[in-house]
Amino acid sequence: MEVTGNLKFDVTPPAAQLELGRSFRARYGRARILLAASTREGEEALIFDVLPRIPGDVLLVLVPRHPQRFDEVASLLATRGIPYERRSGNAPLAPGTRVLLGDSMGEMFAYYAACDAALIGGSLLPYGAQNLIEACAVGKPVLIGPHTYNFAEAADRAVEAGAALRVRDAEDFAAQATALLSDPEKLKDMGARGLEFARAHRGATERVVRMLTALLPTRDPATG
């Protein structure tokens, strides 16, 4: 038995997605963007509860993990009277928009590219967290809640590397996100540490291929 590493570190952010993220940023026209990526049921309500504690000039981009919940989250925003728009509207944001609902598929790297910092969904409540490695690979500071058992080793190492901050709950998320977004130097430093963290753990795919190749029978050129 041999441990080859985590294949998720070998992801390469698609150039087209990064370019789309830059266009998002220009279209949104906000100086500071906070992403809540791949949120799970119950987490959106917690985040909306603490939204008043996050400065009003910060745009919250919230992307639910499952597409069947897009309308559910839109209804929650409407019920609470939070000014929002949907990514599917594909238009410049109206003044006063507080939340952009990311109701699209296959654009997570673009959302990461557009933001200044990202909360990883599934970690505020005991869902085990979604993939934080993608955010690090784009060079964005990461915020993670207490529940990261799906990515336990990666989450712990990201915190140790200075690429991620652990938050206790939604209120702590609002406080730490606000402090982070007000500190350009820390944003830059954490982003750089995230890139280094992601790069330092690559290579699992190559190691697996080498192992499998060594197990394959040698082809005899004479017999084809």
Protein backbone atom coordinates (compact mmCIF):
# COMPACT_ATOMS: atom_id res chain seq x y z
CA MET A 1 0.00 0.00 0.00
CA GLU A 2 1.23 3.47 -0.86
CA VAL A 3 -0.27 6.90 -0.17
CA THR A 4 0.14 9.03 -3.28
CA GLY A 5 -1.47 12.27 -2.06
CA ASN A 6 -4.67 14.16 -2.78
CA LEU A 7 -5.62 14.23 -6.47
CA LYS A 8 -7.66 17.41 -5.91
CA PHE A 9 -4.43 19.40 -5.56
CA ASP A 10 -3.64 18.68 -9.21
CA VAL A 11 -6.51 20.81 -10.47
CA THR A 12 -5.53 23.64 -12.81
CA PRO A 13 -7.91 26.61 -12.84
CA PRO A 14 -9.15 26.95 -16.45
CA ALA A 15 -7.94 30.12 -18.12
CA ALA A 16 -11.40 30.76 -19.58
CA GLN A 17 -12.92 30.63 -16.09
CA LEU A 18 -10.35 33.06 -14.72
CA GLU A 19 -11.11 35.46 -17.55
CA LEU A 20 -14.83 35.11 -16.87
CA GLY A 21 -14.12 35.93 -13.23
CA ARG A 22 -12.37 39.13 -14.26
CA SER A 23 -15.38 40.10 -16.34
CA PHE A 24 -17.64 39.37 -13.35
CA ARG A 25 -15.53 41.68 -11.24
CA ALA A 26 -15.74 44.49 -13.77
CA ARG A 27 -19.49 44.03 -14.18
CA TYR A 28 -20.23 44.02 -10.45
CA GLY A 29 -18.35 47.28 -9.95
CA ARG A 30 -17.62 46.73 -6.26
CA ALA A 31 -14.33 47.38 -4.50
CA ARG A 32 -14.77 44.39 -2.18
CA ILE A 33 -16.42 41.04 -2.92
CA LEU A 34 -17.00 38.26 -0.39
CA LEU A 35 -17.90 34.82 -1.72
CA ALA A 36 -19.88 32.15 0.11
CA ALA A 37 -19.09 29.12 -2.05
CA SER A 38 -21.12 25.92 -2.23
CA THR A 39 -23.37 26.67 0.72
CA ARG A 40 -25.61 23.95 2.11
CA GLU A 41 -29.14 23.94 3.50
CA GLY A 42 -29.44 26.04 6.64
CA GLU A 43 -26.18 27.92 6.10
CA GLU A 44 -27.68 30.66 3.96
CA ALA A 45 -30.02 31.68 6.79
CA LEU A 46 -27.08 31.89 9.19
CA ILE A 47 -25.12 34.04 6.74
CA PHE A 48 -28.08 36.36 6.10
CA ASP A 49 -28.52 36.74 9.86
CA VAL A 50 -25.05 38.29 10.15
CA LEU A 51 -25.07 40.19 6.86
CA PRO A 52 -25.83 43.52 8.64
CA ARG A 53 -22.49 43.10 10.45
CA ILE A 54 -20.60 43.11 7.16
CA PRO A 55 -20.00 46.59 5.66
CA GLY A 56 -22.63 47.67 3.17
CA ASP A 57 -20.11 48.31 0.40
CA VAL A 58 -19.14 44.62 0.40
CA LEU A 59 -21.00 42.55 -2.17
CA LEU A 60 -21.84 39.06 -0.96
CA VAL A 61 -21.81 36.52 -3.78
CA LEU A 62 -23.56 33.38 -2.57
CA VAL A 63 -23.48 30.16 -4.59
CA PRO A 64 -25.57 27.24 -3.26
CA ARG A 65 -23.99 23.81 -3.66
CA HIS A 66 -27.03 22.23 -5.30
CA PRO A 67 -28.87 23.83 -8.27
CA GLN A 68 -32.26 22.61 -7.09
CA ARG A 69 -31.91 25.05 -4.18
CA PHE A 70 -31.39 28.20 -6.27
CA ASP A 71 -35.06 29.19 -6.15
CA GLU A 72 -35.30 28.28 -2.45
CA VAL A 73 -32.45 30.65 -1.59
CA ALA A 74 -33.92 33.35 -3.84
CA SER A 75 -37.20 33.06 -1.92
CA LEU A 76 -35.32 33.34 1.38
CA LEU A 77 -33.66 36.55 0.20
CA ALA A 78 -36.97 37.98 -0.97
CA THR A 79 -38.73 37.07 2.28
CA ARG A 80 -36.04 38.82 4.29
CA GLY A 81 -36.17 41.89 2.08
CA ILE A 82 -32.48 41.66 1.15
CA PRO A 83 -31.78 43.42 -2.17
CA TYR A 84 -30.38 40.78 -4.49
CA GLU A 85 -29.90 39.84 -8.11
CA ARG A 86 -29.26 36.55 -9.84
CA ARG A 87 -26.22 35.65 -11.90
CA SER A 88 -28.59 34.32 -14.57
CA GLY A 89 -29.80 37.91 -15.07
CA ASN A 90 -26.39 38.56 -16.65
CA ALA A 91 -26.60 42.32 -16.10
CA PRO A 92 -24.70 45.03 -14.22
CA LEU A 93 -25.74 45.24 -10.59
CA ALA A 94 -28.29 47.84 -9.61
CA PRO A 95 -27.26 50.29 -6.89
CA GLY A 96 -28.01 48.94 -3.45
CA THR A 97 -27.74 45.27 -4.40
CA ARG A 98 -26.48 43.45 -1.31
CA VAL A 99 -26.30 39.87 -2.57
CA LEU A 100 -25.61 38.27 -5.91
CA LEU A 101 -27.12 34.79 -6.07
CA GLY A 102 -24.82 32.57 -8.09
CA ASP A 103 -27.46 30.47 -9.82
CA SER A 104 -25.18 28.97 -12.46
CA MET A 105 -23.34 25.70 -12.93
CA GLY A 106 -19.70 25.11 -13.79
CA GLU A 107 -18.52 28.62 -12.91
CA MET A 108 -17.05 28.16 -9.44
CA PHE A 109 -13.53 29.01 -10.57
CA ALA A 110 -14.90 32.24 -12.07
CA TYR A 111 -16.56 33.13 -8.77
CA TYR A 112 -13.29 32.49 -6.96
CA ALA A 113 -11.42 34.63 -9.46
CA ALA A 114 -13.89 37.50 -8.94
CA CYS A 115 -13.81 37.56 -5.14
CA ASP A 116 -11.44 38.93 -2.51
CA ALA A 117 -12.03 36.15 0.03
CA ALA A 118 -14.16 33.02 0.17
CA LEU A 119 -16.09 31.15 2.83
CA ILE A 120 -16.23 27.44 2.03
CA GLY A 121 -19.76 26.13 2.34
CA GLY A 122 -20.68 23.01 4.25
CA SER A 123 -18.35 24.02 7.06
CA LEU A 124 -20.61 26.29 9.17
CA LEU A 125 -22.98 23.37 9.78
CA PRO A 126 -21.92 19.70 10.11
CA TYR A 127 -21.80 18.81 6.42
CA GLY A 128 -18.03 18.30 6.43
CA ALA A 129 -17.18 21.19 4.07
CA GLN A 130 -16.76 21.41 0.32
CA ASN A 131 -13.45 21.65 -1.54
CA LEU A 132 -11.24 24.47 -0.23
CA ILE A 133 -8.32 23.55 -2.51
CA GLU A 134 -9.89 25.24 -5.55
CA ALA A 135 -9.97 28.61 -3.80
CA CYS A 136 -6.33 28.24 -2.76
CA ALA A 137 -5.38 27.30 -6.33
CA VAL A 138 -6.84 30.61 -7.52
CA GLY A 139 -4.89 32.45 -4.82
CA LYS A 140 -7.82 33.57 -2.70
CA PRO A 141 -7.91 33.74 1.13
CA VAL A 142 -10.12 31.05 2.61
CA LEU A 143 -12.49 31.09 5.58
CA ILE A 144 -13.66 27.73 6.94
CA GLY A 145 -16.07 26.85 9.70
CA PRO A 146 -15.62 24.22 12.40
CA HIS A 147 -16.91 21.27 10.33
CA THR A 148 -14.28 20.17 7.81
CA TYR A 149 -14.14 16.38 8.18
CA ASN A 150 -14.45 15.83 4.40
CA PHE A 151 -11.18 17.76 3.95
CA ALA A 152 -9.73 17.40 7.45
CA GLU A 153 -6.04 17.18 6.54
CA ALA A 154 -6.20 19.79 3.77
CA ALA A 155 -8.12 22.21 6.00
CA ASP A 156 -5.70 21.84 8.91
CA ARG A 157 -2.68 22.24 6.67
CA ALA A 158 -4.17 25.29 4.95
CA VAL A 159 -4.67 26.95 8.33
CA GLU A 160 -1.11 26.04 9.36
CA ALA A 161 0.20 27.47 6.08
CA GLY A 162 -1.59 30.77 6.68
CA ALA A 163 -3.81 30.23 3.62
CA ALA A 164 -7.03 29.81 5.60
CA LEU A 165 -8.72 31.15 8.72
CA ARG A 166 -10.91 28.99 10.93
CA VAL A 167 -14.15 30.61 12.14
CA ARG A 168 -16.23 29.34 15.07
CA ASP A 169 -19.67 30.21 13.71
CA ALA A 170 -21.53 32.68 11.50
CA GLU A 171 -20.95 35.63 13.82
CA ASP A 172 -17.23 34.90 13.90
CA PHE A 173 -17.30 34.59 10.11
CA ALA A 174 -18.79 38.08 9.79
CA ALA A 175 -16.19 39.53 12.16
CA GLN A 176 -13.19 37.82 10.59
CA ALA A 177 -14.36 38.48 7.03
CA THR A 178 -14.86 42.17 7.79
CA ALA A 179 -11.40 42.45 9.35
CA LEU A 180 -9.80 40.56 6.47
CA LEU A 181 -11.47 42.63 3.77
CA SER A 182 -10.23 45.78 5.51
CA ASP A 183 -6.61 44.60 5.40
CA PRO A 184 -5.26 44.58 1.80
CA GLU A 185 -1.83 43.36 2.90
CA LYS A 186 -3.28 40.36 4.71
CA LEU A 187 -5.50 39.57 1.74
CA LYS A 188 -2.46 39.59 -0.52
CA ASP A 189 -0.36 37.53 1.88
CA MET A 190 -3.03 34.89 2.43
CA GLY A 191 -3.65 34.64 -1.31
CA ALA A 192 0.05 34.07 -1.96
CA ARG A 193 0.19 31.48 0.80
CA GLY A 194 -2.81 29.73 -0.71
CA LEU A 195 -1.10 29.47 -4.09
CA GLU A 196 2.05 28.09 -2.48
CA PHE A 197 0.01 25.65 -0.38
CA ALA A 198 -1.80 24.33 -3.47
CA ARG A 199 1.41 24.02 -5.49
CA ALA A 200 3.35 22.31 -2.71
CA HIS A 201 0.92 19.40 -2.56
CA ARG A 202 0.60 18.66 -6.26
CA GLY A 203 1.91 15.52 -7.92
CA ALA A 204 -0.49 12.77 -6.81
CA THR A 205 -1.72 12.14 -10.36
CA GLU A 206 1.80 11.69 -11.68
CA ARG A 207 2.66 9.31 -8.83
CA VAL A 208 -0.44 7.20 -9.50
CA VAL A 209 0.35 7.01 -13.22
CA ARG A 210 3.91 5.91 -12.48
CA MET A 211 2.68 3.17 -10.14
CA LEU A 212 0.09 1.90 -12.62
CA THR A 213 2.58 1.97 -15.49
CA ALA A 214 4.99 -0.17 -13.48
CA LEU A 215 2.24 -2.77 -12.97
CA LEU A 216 1.35 -3.05 -16.65
CA PRO A 217 2.85 -5.94 -18.61
CA THR A 218 5.75 -5.01 -20.85
CA ARG A 219 4.74 -4.92 -24.48
CA ASP A 220 6.77 -7.11 -26.81
CA PRO A 221 7.45 -5.12 -30.02
CA ALA A 222 7.87 -8.41 -31.93
CA THR A 223 4.40 -9.64 -31.13
CA GLY A 224 2.65 -6.27 -30.98
